[in-house]
Amino acid sequence: MNADHSSLMSWKTADENRYEQSISLKIPGYSHMHDLMERLLAASLTDNNESKILIAGAGGGKEITLLADRHPGWTFTGVDPSGPMLQLAKRRVAEAGLGPRVKLEGITVEELPLDELYEGATSMLMLHFLQGMEAKRKFMTSLAARLKSGAPLLLAAVNADLSSPAHKVMMNAWRDYMLCAGITREEWDRFAASLGKESDPISSEQTVALLSECGFTHITRYFGAFWVEGYYAMRI
């Protein structure tokens, strides 16, 4: 691969326009994954039409606009340390007229006050950008601390065992999918070179163990496409 490592995939310096244009082409079933996320969240909150939802990694605005459209009584707090991606979220929220129901902040989950608890949370395609297990553990523990007991969490991430014999086959198949979907070879090279460098994916087994260790139970895989997986869990 000949990718320029100065332009590897990084959440904090993401190009919001490129992300917006390409993410749905990179992940098979991208919209389906979000649709299932919404349905699982809704099925968990049938007794509360005025739920407060925490969106961890709100950049882009995909989750907020989808959930707000389907649940007029819900309100949202979205956090994301990526300035460019947060700007994209703010633009989408404004275009949808959701301002009064949405608070967006350029901070991490750890910086949120502990005295405000949420009825549910999502973290879609963010965990693999946190470098190292300690950072992931801190994020998950902080997320759990801001959820009510029994609150659902919908998590999606790139979960890859980079040492697995299946890695080469999986990546070759994913490359073929992306190129056929319209992703350029340069974009693919940048993405592939970033795995394990600018991003830090962990295995499915490690993800489940992390969720359990950090205060979640009833952990269930609800989506899978190549290395991308979605999990449903409940705060203990």
C-alpha atoms as a PDB file:
ATOM      1  CA  MET A   1       0.000   0.000   0.000  1.00  0.00           C
ATOM      2  CA  ASN A   2       1.238   3.493  -0.882  1.00  0.00           C
ATOM      3  CA  ALA A   3      -1.038   5.568   1.329  1.00  0.00           C
ATOM      4  CA  ASP A   4       0.333   8.834   2.654  1.00  0.00           C
ATOM      5  CA  HIS A   5       0.461   8.218   6.393  1.00  0.00           C
ATOM      6  CA  SER A   6       0.034  11.934   7.043  1.00  0.00           C
ATOM      7  CA  SER A   7      -3.520  11.572   5.747  1.00  0.00           C
ATOM      8  CA  LEU A   8      -4.509   8.344   7.475  1.00  0.00           C
ATOM      9  CA  MET A   9      -8.020   7.987   8.888  1.00  0.00           C
ATOM     10  CA  SER A  10      -8.305   9.934  12.140  1.00  0.00           C
ATOM     11  CA  TRP A  11     -11.501  10.901  13.909  1.00  0.00           C
ATOM     12  CA  LYS A  12     -10.133  14.126  15.414  1.00  0.00           C
ATOM     13  CA  THR A  13      -8.957  15.431  12.046  1.00  0.00           C
ATOM     14  CA  ALA A  14     -11.624  13.840   9.878  1.00  0.00           C
ATOM     15  CA  ASP A  15     -12.690  15.462   6.636  1.00  0.00           C
ATOM     16  CA  GLU A  16     -16.422  15.753   7.278  1.00  0.00           C
ATOM     17  CA  ASN A  17     -17.275  16.070   3.600  1.00  0.00           C
ATOM     18  CA  ARG A  18     -15.328  12.953   2.615  1.00  0.00           C
ATOM     19  CA  TYR A  19     -16.764  11.054   5.583  1.00  0.00           C
ATOM     20  CA  GLU A  20     -20.321  12.030   4.721  1.00  0.00           C
ATOM     21  CA  GLN A  21     -19.876  10.991   1.096  1.00  0.00           C
ATOM     22  CA  SER A  22     -18.074   7.703   1.660  1.00  0.00           C
ATOM     23  CA  ILE A  23     -19.118   6.065   4.933  1.00  0.00           C
ATOM     24  CA  SER A  24     -22.303   4.519   3.561  1.00  0.00           C
ATOM     25  CA  LEU A  25     -20.302   3.104   0.623  1.00  0.00           C
ATOM     26  CA  LYS A  26     -17.685   1.563   2.897  1.00  0.00           C
ATOM     27  CA  ILE A  27     -19.964  -0.383   5.219  1.00  0.00           C
ATOM     28  CA  PRO A  28     -22.417  -2.896   3.770  1.00  0.00           C
ATOM     29  CA  GLY A  29     -25.812  -2.258   5.335  1.00  0.00           C
ATOM     30  CA  TYR A  30     -24.793   1.065   6.873  1.00  0.00           C
ATOM     31  CA  SER A  31     -28.357   2.431   6.897  1.00  0.00           C
ATOM     32  CA  HIS A  32     -29.702  -0.962   7.972  1.00  0.00           C
ATOM     33  CA  MET A  33     -27.312  -0.956  10.947  1.00  0.00           C
ATOM     34  CA  HIS A  34     -28.716   2.401  12.068  1.00  0.00           C
ATOM     35  CA  ASP A  35     -32.299   1.305  11.476  1.00  0.00           C
ATOM     36  CA  LEU A  36     -31.751  -1.729  13.724  1.00  0.00           C
ATOM     37  CA  MET A  37     -30.090   0.518  16.304  1.00  0.00           C
ATOM     38  CA  GLU A  38     -33.177   2.734  16.434  1.00  0.00           C
ATOM     39  CA  ARG A  39     -35.572  -0.196  16.675  1.00  0.00           C
ATOM     40  CA  LEU A  40     -33.656  -1.801  19.534  1.00  0.00           C
ATOM     41  CA  LEU A  41     -33.443   1.493  21.391  1.00  0.00           C
ATOM     42  CA  ALA A  42     -37.158   2.124  20.885  1.00  0.00           C
ATOM     43  CA  ALA A  43     -38.091  -1.391  21.987  1.00  0.00           C
ATOM     44  CA  SER A  44     -36.162  -0.812  25.205  1.00  0.00           C
ATOM     45  CA  LEU A  45     -37.876   2.500  25.990  1.00  0.00           C
ATOM     46  CA  THR A  46     -41.537   1.736  25.355  1.00  0.00           C
ATOM     47  CA  ASP A  47     -42.532   3.091  28.792  1.00  0.00           C
ATOM     48  CA  ASN A  48     -40.837   6.470  28.332  1.00  0.00           C
ATOM     49  CA  ASN A  49     -41.835   8.754  25.471  1.00  0.00           C
ATOM     50  CA  GLU A  50     -39.691  11.602  26.791  1.00  0.00           C
ATOM     51  CA  SER A  51     -36.348   9.825  27.083  1.00  0.00           C
ATOM     52  CA  LYS A  52     -33.036  11.641  27.311  1.00  0.00           C
ATOM     53  CA  ILE A  53     -30.521   9.999  24.997  1.00  0.00           C
ATOM     54  CA  LEU A  54     -26.743  10.340  25.095  1.00  0.00           C
ATOM     55  CA  ILE A  55     -24.974  10.176  21.732  1.00  0.00           C
ATOM     56  CA  ALA A  56     -21.293   9.419  22.312  1.00  0.00           C
ATOM     57  CA  GLY A  57     -19.479  10.301  19.111  1.00  0.00           C
ATOM     58  CA  ALA A  58     -22.215  12.515  17.687  1.00  0.00           C
ATOM     59  CA  GLY A  59     -20.129  13.838  14.805  1.00  0.00           C
ATOM     60  CA  GLY A  60     -21.949  13.651  11.500  1.00  0.00           C
ATOM     61  CA  GLY A  61     -25.405  13.788  13.102  1.00  0.00           C
ATOM     62  CA  LYS A  62     -26.639  10.505  11.609  1.00  0.00           C
ATOM     63  CA  GLU A  63     -27.953   9.005  14.854  1.00  0.00           C
ATOM     64  CA  ILE A  64     -29.495  12.195  16.218  1.00  0.00           C
ATOM     65  CA  THR A  65     -31.416  13.077  13.077  1.00  0.00           C
ATOM     66  CA  LEU A  66     -32.683   9.516  12.661  1.00  0.00           C
ATOM     67  CA  LEU A  67     -33.770   9.098  16.282  1.00  0.00           C
ATOM     68  CA  ALA A  68     -35.252  12.593  16.564  1.00  0.00           C
ATOM     69  CA  ASP A  69     -37.327  12.097  13.430  1.00  0.00           C
ATOM     70  CA  ARG A  70     -38.847   8.865  14.722  1.00  0.00           C
ATOM     71  CA  HIS A  71     -39.253   9.942  18.357  1.00  0.00           C
ATOM     72  CA  PRO A  72     -40.569  13.506  18.702  1.00  0.00           C
ATOM     73  CA  GLY A  73     -40.559  13.345  22.512  1.00  0.00           C
ATOM     74  CA  TRP A  74     -36.915  12.388  22.910  1.00  0.00           C
ATOM     75  CA  THR A  75     -34.154  14.903  23.667  1.00  0.00           C
ATOM     76  CA  PHE A  76     -30.459  14.426  22.962  1.00  0.00           C
ATOM     77  CA  THR A  77     -27.039  15.309  24.277  1.00  0.00           C
ATOM     78  CA  GLY A  78     -24.326  14.648  21.733  1.00  0.00           C
ATOM     79  CA  VAL A  79     -20.604  14.829  22.453  1.00  0.00           C
ATOM     80  CA  ASP A  80     -17.670  14.556  20.068  1.00  0.00           C
ATOM     81  CA  PRO A  81     -14.079  15.872  20.353  1.00  0.00           C
ATOM     82  CA  SER A  82     -13.756  16.103  16.562  1.00  0.00           C
ATOM     83  CA  GLY A  83     -14.343  19.715  15.544  1.00  0.00           C
ATOM     84  CA  PRO A  84     -14.992  19.044  11.841  1.00  0.00           C
ATOM     85  CA  MET A  85     -17.384  16.178  12.532  1.00  0.00           C
ATOM     86  CA  LEU A  86     -19.238  18.141  15.210  1.00  0.00           C
ATOM     87  CA  GLN A  87     -19.744  20.974  12.734  1.00  0.00           C
ATOM     88  CA  LEU A  88     -21.329  18.516  10.321  1.00  0.00           C
ATOM     89  CA  ALA A  89     -23.657  17.333  13.095  1.00  0.00           C
ATOM     90  CA  LYS A  90     -24.621  20.909  13.961  1.00  0.00           C
ATOM     91  CA  ARG A  91     -25.390  21.619  10.326  1.00  0.00           C
ATOM     92  CA  ARG A  92     -27.599  18.550   9.975  1.00  0.00           C
ATOM     93  CA  VAL A  93     -29.405  19.280  13.240  1.00  0.00           C
ATOM     94  CA  ALA A  94     -30.063  22.878  12.164  1.00  0.00           C
ATOM     95  CA  GLU A  95     -31.313  21.828   8.716  1.00  0.00           C
ATOM     96  CA  ALA A  96     -33.728  19.387  10.383  1.00  0.00           C
ATOM     97  CA  GLY A  97     -35.010  22.080  12.779  1.00  0.00           C
ATOM     98  CA  LEU A  98     -34.057  20.034  15.841  1.00  0.00           C
ATOM     99  CA  GLY A  99     -32.205  22.754  17.751  1.00  0.00           C
ATOM    100  CA  PRO A 100     -34.457  22.941  20.846  1.00  0.00           C
ATOM    101  CA  ARG A 101     -34.196  19.172  21.406  1.00  0.00           C
ATOM    102  CA  VAL A 102     -30.462  18.747  20.863  1.00  0.00           C
ATOM    103  CA  LYS A 103     -27.370  19.845  22.790  1.00  0.00           C
ATOM    104  CA  LEU A 104     -24.064  19.278  21.002  1.00  0.00           C
ATOM    105  CA  GLU A 105     -20.729  19.723  22.770  1.00  0.00           C
ATOM    106  CA  GLY A 106     -17.131  19.334  21.637  1.00  0.00           C
ATOM    107  CA  ILE A 107     -16.110  17.341  24.703  1.00  0.00           C
ATOM    108  CA  THR A 108     -15.622  13.714  25.702  1.00  0.00           C
ATOM    109  CA  VAL A 109     -18.052  11.563  27.669  1.00  0.00           C
ATOM    110  CA  GLU A 110     -15.691  11.800  30.648  1.00  0.00           C
ATOM    111  CA  GLU A 111     -16.265  15.569  30.770  1.00  0.00           C
ATOM    112  CA  LEU A 112     -20.044  15.312  31.096  1.00  0.00           C
ATOM    113  CA  PRO A 113     -21.504  16.025  34.566  1.00  0.00           C
ATOM    114  CA  LEU A 114     -22.194  12.938  36.651  1.00  0.00           C
ATOM    115  CA  ASP A 115     -25.439  14.271  38.108  1.00  0.00           C
ATOM    116  CA  GLU A 116     -27.380  13.930  34.851  1.00  0.00           C
ATOM    117  CA  LEU A 117     -28.318  10.369  33.926  1.00  0.00           C
ATOM    118  CA  TYR A 118     -29.699   9.207  30.587  1.00  0.00           C
ATOM    119  CA  GLU A 119     -32.327   6.636  29.659  1.00  0.00           C
ATOM    120  CA  GLY A 120     -30.275   5.317  26.751  1.00  0.00           C
ATOM    121  CA  ALA A 121     -27.103   5.841  24.739  1.00  0.00           C
ATOM    122  CA  THR A 122     -25.503   5.138  21.393  1.00  0.00           C
ATOM    123  CA  SER A 123     -21.871   4.974  20.327  1.00  0.00           C
ATOM    124  CA  MET A 124     -21.714   4.248  16.628  1.00  0.00           C
ATOM    125  CA  LEU A 125     -18.361   3.704  14.879  1.00  0.00           C
ATOM    126  CA  MET A 126     -16.269   5.464  17.500  1.00  0.00           C
ATOM    127  CA  LEU A 127     -14.691   2.908  19.850  1.00  0.00           C
ATOM    128  CA  HIS A 128     -12.012   1.813  17.379  1.00  0.00           C
ATOM    129  CA  PHE A 129     -10.658   5.369  17.204  1.00  0.00           C
ATOM    130  CA  LEU A 130      -9.687   5.279  20.897  1.00  0.00           C
ATOM    131  CA  GLN A 131      -6.073   4.176  21.202  1.00  0.00           C
ATOM    132  CA  GLY A 132      -5.344   1.402  23.694  1.00  0.00           C
ATOM    133  CA  MET A 133      -7.475  -0.675  26.023  1.00  0.00           C
ATOM    134  CA  GLU A 134      -7.076   1.785  28.888  1.00  0.00           C
ATOM    135  CA  ALA A 135      -8.641   4.589  26.831  1.00  0.00           C
ATOM    136  CA  LYS A 136     -11.450   2.282  25.727  1.00  0.00           C
ATOM    137  CA  ARG A 137     -12.022   1.142  29.303  1.00  0.00           C
ATOM    138  CA  LYS A 138     -12.122   4.743  30.554  1.00  0.00           C
ATOM    139  CA  PHE A 139     -14.635   5.649  27.848  1.00  0.00           C
ATOM    140  CA  MET A 140     -16.912   2.685  28.579  1.00  0.00           C
ATOM    141  CA  THR A 141     -16.757   3.186  32.344  1.00  0.00           C
ATOM    142  CA  SER A 142     -17.576   6.876  31.950  1.00  0.00           C
ATOM    143  CA  LEU A 143     -20.450   6.029  29.624  1.00  0.00           C
ATOM    144  CA  ALA A 144     -21.874   3.514  32.092  1.00  0.00           C
ATOM    145  CA  ALA A 145     -21.626   6.059  34.919  1.00  0.00           C
ATOM    146  CA  ARG A 146     -23.957   8.393  33.017  1.00  0.00           C
ATOM    147  CA  LEU A 147     -26.694   5.848  32.338  1.00  0.00           C
ATOM    148  CA  LYS A 148     -29.580   4.817  34.540  1.00  0.00           C
ATOM    149  CA  SER A 149     -29.732   1.212  35.675  1.00  0.00           C
ATOM    150  CA  GLY A 150     -31.280  -0.880  32.912  1.00  0.00           C
ATOM    151  CA  ALA A 151     -30.588   1.747  30.229  1.00  0.00           C
ATOM    152  CA  PRO A 152     -29.796   0.357  26.769  1.00  0.00           C
ATOM    153  CA  LEU A 153     -26.528   0.996  24.961  1.00  0.00           C
ATOM    154  CA  LEU A 154     -26.226   0.524  21.196  1.00  0.00           C
ATOM    155  CA  LEU A 155     -22.587   0.197  20.195  1.00  0.00           C
ATOM    156  CA  ALA A 156     -21.048  -0.273  16.750  1.00  0.00           C
ATOM    157  CA  ALA A 157     -17.348  -0.479  15.961  1.00  0.00           C
ATOM    158  CA  VAL A 158     -14.721  -2.004  13.730  1.00  0.00           C
ATOM    159  CA  ASN A 159     -13.878  -5.187  15.629  1.00  0.00           C
ATOM    160  CA  ALA A 160     -10.931  -6.812  13.937  1.00  0.00           C
ATOM    161  CA  ASP A 161      -8.439  -9.434  15.028  1.00  0.00           C
ATOM    162  CA  LEU A 162      -5.518  -8.171  12.964  1.00  0.00           C
ATOM    163  CA  SER A 163      -3.498 -11.308  13.740  1.00  0.00           C
ATOM    164  CA  SER A 164      -6.183 -13.720  12.567  1.00  0.00           C
ATOM    165  CA  PRO A 165      -5.479 -15.919   9.524  1.00  0.00           C
ATOM    166  CA  ALA A 166      -8.837 -14.660   8.232  1.00  0.00           C
ATOM    167  CA  HIS A 167      -7.640 -11.066   8.217  1.00  0.00           C
ATOM    168  CA  LYS A 168      -6.183 -11.105   4.699  1.00  0.00           C
ATOM    169  CA  VAL A 169      -9.261 -12.779   3.219  1.00  0.00           C
ATOM    170  CA  MET A 170     -11.614 -10.392   5.016  1.00  0.00           C
ATOM    171  CA  MET A 171      -9.682  -7.337   3.875  1.00  0.00           C
ATOM    172  CA  ASN A 172      -9.485  -8.542   0.266  1.00  0.00           C
ATOM    173  CA  ALA A 173     -13.249  -9.102   0.199  1.00  0.00           C
ATOM    174  CA  TRP A 174     -13.921  -5.728   1.836  1.00  0.00           C
ATOM    175  CA  ARG A 175     -11.639  -4.004  -0.662  1.00  0.00           C
ATOM    176  CA  ASP A 176     -13.548  -5.590  -3.526  1.00  0.00           C
ATOM    177  CA  TYR A 177     -16.842  -4.473  -2.002  1.00  0.00           C
ATOM    178  CA  MET A 178     -15.693  -0.876  -1.509  1.00  0.00           C
ATOM    179  CA  LEU A 179     -14.183  -0.520  -4.975  1.00  0.00           C
ATOM    180  CA  CYS A 180     -17.362  -1.877  -6.543  1.00  0.00           C
ATOM    181  CA  ALA A 181     -19.410   0.560  -4.436  1.00  0.00           C
ATOM    182  CA  GLY A 182     -17.472   3.531  -5.787  1.00  0.00           C
ATOM    183  CA  ILE A 183     -14.715   4.054  -3.222  1.00  0.00           C
ATOM    184  CA  THR A 184     -11.463   5.059  -4.933  1.00  0.00           C
ATOM    185  CA  ARG A 185      -8.340   2.937  -4.635  1.00  0.00           C
ATOM    186  CA  GLU A 186      -6.629   5.848  -2.859  1.00  0.00           C
ATOM    187  CA  GLU A 187      -9.420   5.989  -0.275  1.00  0.00           C
ATOM    188  CA  TRP A 188      -9.228   2.228   0.244  1.00  0.00           C
ATOM    189  CA  ASP A 189      -5.460   2.367   0.723  1.00  0.00           C
ATOM    190  CA  ARG A 190      -5.860   5.151   3.276  1.00  0.00           C
ATOM    191  CA  PHE A 191      -8.508   3.169   5.158  1.00  0.00           C
ATOM    192  CA  ALA A 192      -6.591  -0.126   5.119  1.00  0.00           C
ATOM    193  CA  ALA A 193      -3.328   1.524   6.214  1.00  0.00           C
ATOM    194  CA  SER A 194      -5.113   3.172   9.138  1.00  0.00           C
ATOM    195  CA  LEU A 195      -6.265  -0.070  10.764  1.00  0.00           C
ATOM    196  CA  GLY A 196      -4.006  -0.701  13.720  1.00  0.00           C
ATOM    197  CA  LYS A 197      -2.348   2.726  13.340  1.00  0.00           C
ATOM    198  CA  GLU A 198      -4.694   5.720  13.412  1.00  0.00           C
ATOM    199  CA  SER A 199      -7.463   3.396  14.533  1.00  0.00           C
ATOM    200  CA  ASP A 200      -7.180   0.631  17.127  1.00  0.00           C
ATOM    201  CA  PRO A 201      -9.735  -2.123  16.558  1.00  0.00           C
ATOM    202  CA  ILE A 202     -10.107  -4.949  19.041  1.00  0.00           C
ATOM    203  CA  SER A 203     -11.634  -8.388  18.579  1.00  0.00           C
ATOM    204  CA  SER A 204     -15.272  -9.314  19.121  1.00  0.00           C
ATOM    205  CA  GLU A 205     -14.302 -11.266  22.234  1.00  0.00           C
ATOM    206  CA  GLN A 206     -12.448  -8.289  23.667  1.00  0.00           C
ATOM    207  CA  THR A 207     -15.402  -6.002  22.961  1.00  0.00           C
ATOM    208  CA  VAL A 208     -17.832  -8.260  24.798  1.00  0.00           C
ATOM    209  CA  ALA A 209     -15.417  -8.612  27.724  1.00  0.00           C
ATOM    210  CA  LEU A 210     -14.922  -4.837  27.854  1.00  0.00           C
ATOM    211  CA  LEU A 211     -18.655  -4.167  27.958  1.00  0.00           C
ATOM    212  CA  SER A 212     -19.101  -6.697  30.743  1.00  0.00           C
ATOM    213  CA  GLU A 213     -16.160  -5.355  32.747  1.00  0.00           C
ATOM    214  CA  CYS A 214     -17.414  -1.770  32.492  1.00  0.00           C
ATOM    215  CA  GLY A 215     -20.912  -2.337  33.842  1.00  0.00           C
ATOM    216  CA  PHE A 216     -23.045  -3.763  31.030  1.00  0.00           C
ATOM    217  CA  THR A 217     -24.998  -6.978  30.768  1.00  0.00           C
ATOM    218  CA  HIS A 218     -27.265  -8.847  28.306  1.00  0.00           C
ATOM    219  CA  ILE A 219     -24.671  -8.184  25.600  1.00  0.00           C
ATOM    220  CA  THR A 220     -26.019  -9.265  22.229  1.00  0.00           C
ATOM    221  CA  ARG A 221     -24.560  -8.901  18.736  1.00  0.00           C
ATOM    222  CA  TYR A 222     -27.196  -7.443  16.412  1.00  0.00           C
ATOM    223  CA  PHE A 223     -25.229  -6.545  13.276  1.00  0.00           C
ATOM    224  CA  GLY A 224     -22.198  -7.703  11.348  1.00  0.00           C
ATOM    225  CA  ALA A 225     -20.585  -6.733   8.034  1.00  0.00           C
ATOM    226  CA  PHE A 226     -16.956  -7.694   7.417  1.00  0.00           C
ATOM    227  CA  TRP A 227     -15.142  -6.276  10.476  1.00  0.00           C
ATOM    228  CA  VAL A 228     -17.976  -3.937  11.509  1.00  0.00           C
ATOM    229  CA  GLU A 229     -20.178  -5.186  14.345  1.00  0.00           C
ATOM    230  CA  GLY A 230     -23.104  -3.811  16.328  1.00  0.00           C
ATOM    231  CA  TYR A 231     -23.916  -4.759  19.940  1.00  0.00           C
ATOM    232  CA  TYR A 232     -26.884  -4.227  22.223  1.00  0.00           C
ATOM    233  CA  ALA A 233     -26.233  -4.099  25.968  1.00  0.00           C
ATOM    234  CA  MET A 234     -27.925  -2.919  29.160  1.00  0.00           C
ATOM    235  CA  ARG A 235     -26.493  -0.941  32.047  1.00  0.00           C
ATOM    236  CA  ILE A 236     -26.412  -3.075  35.170  1.00  0.00           C
END
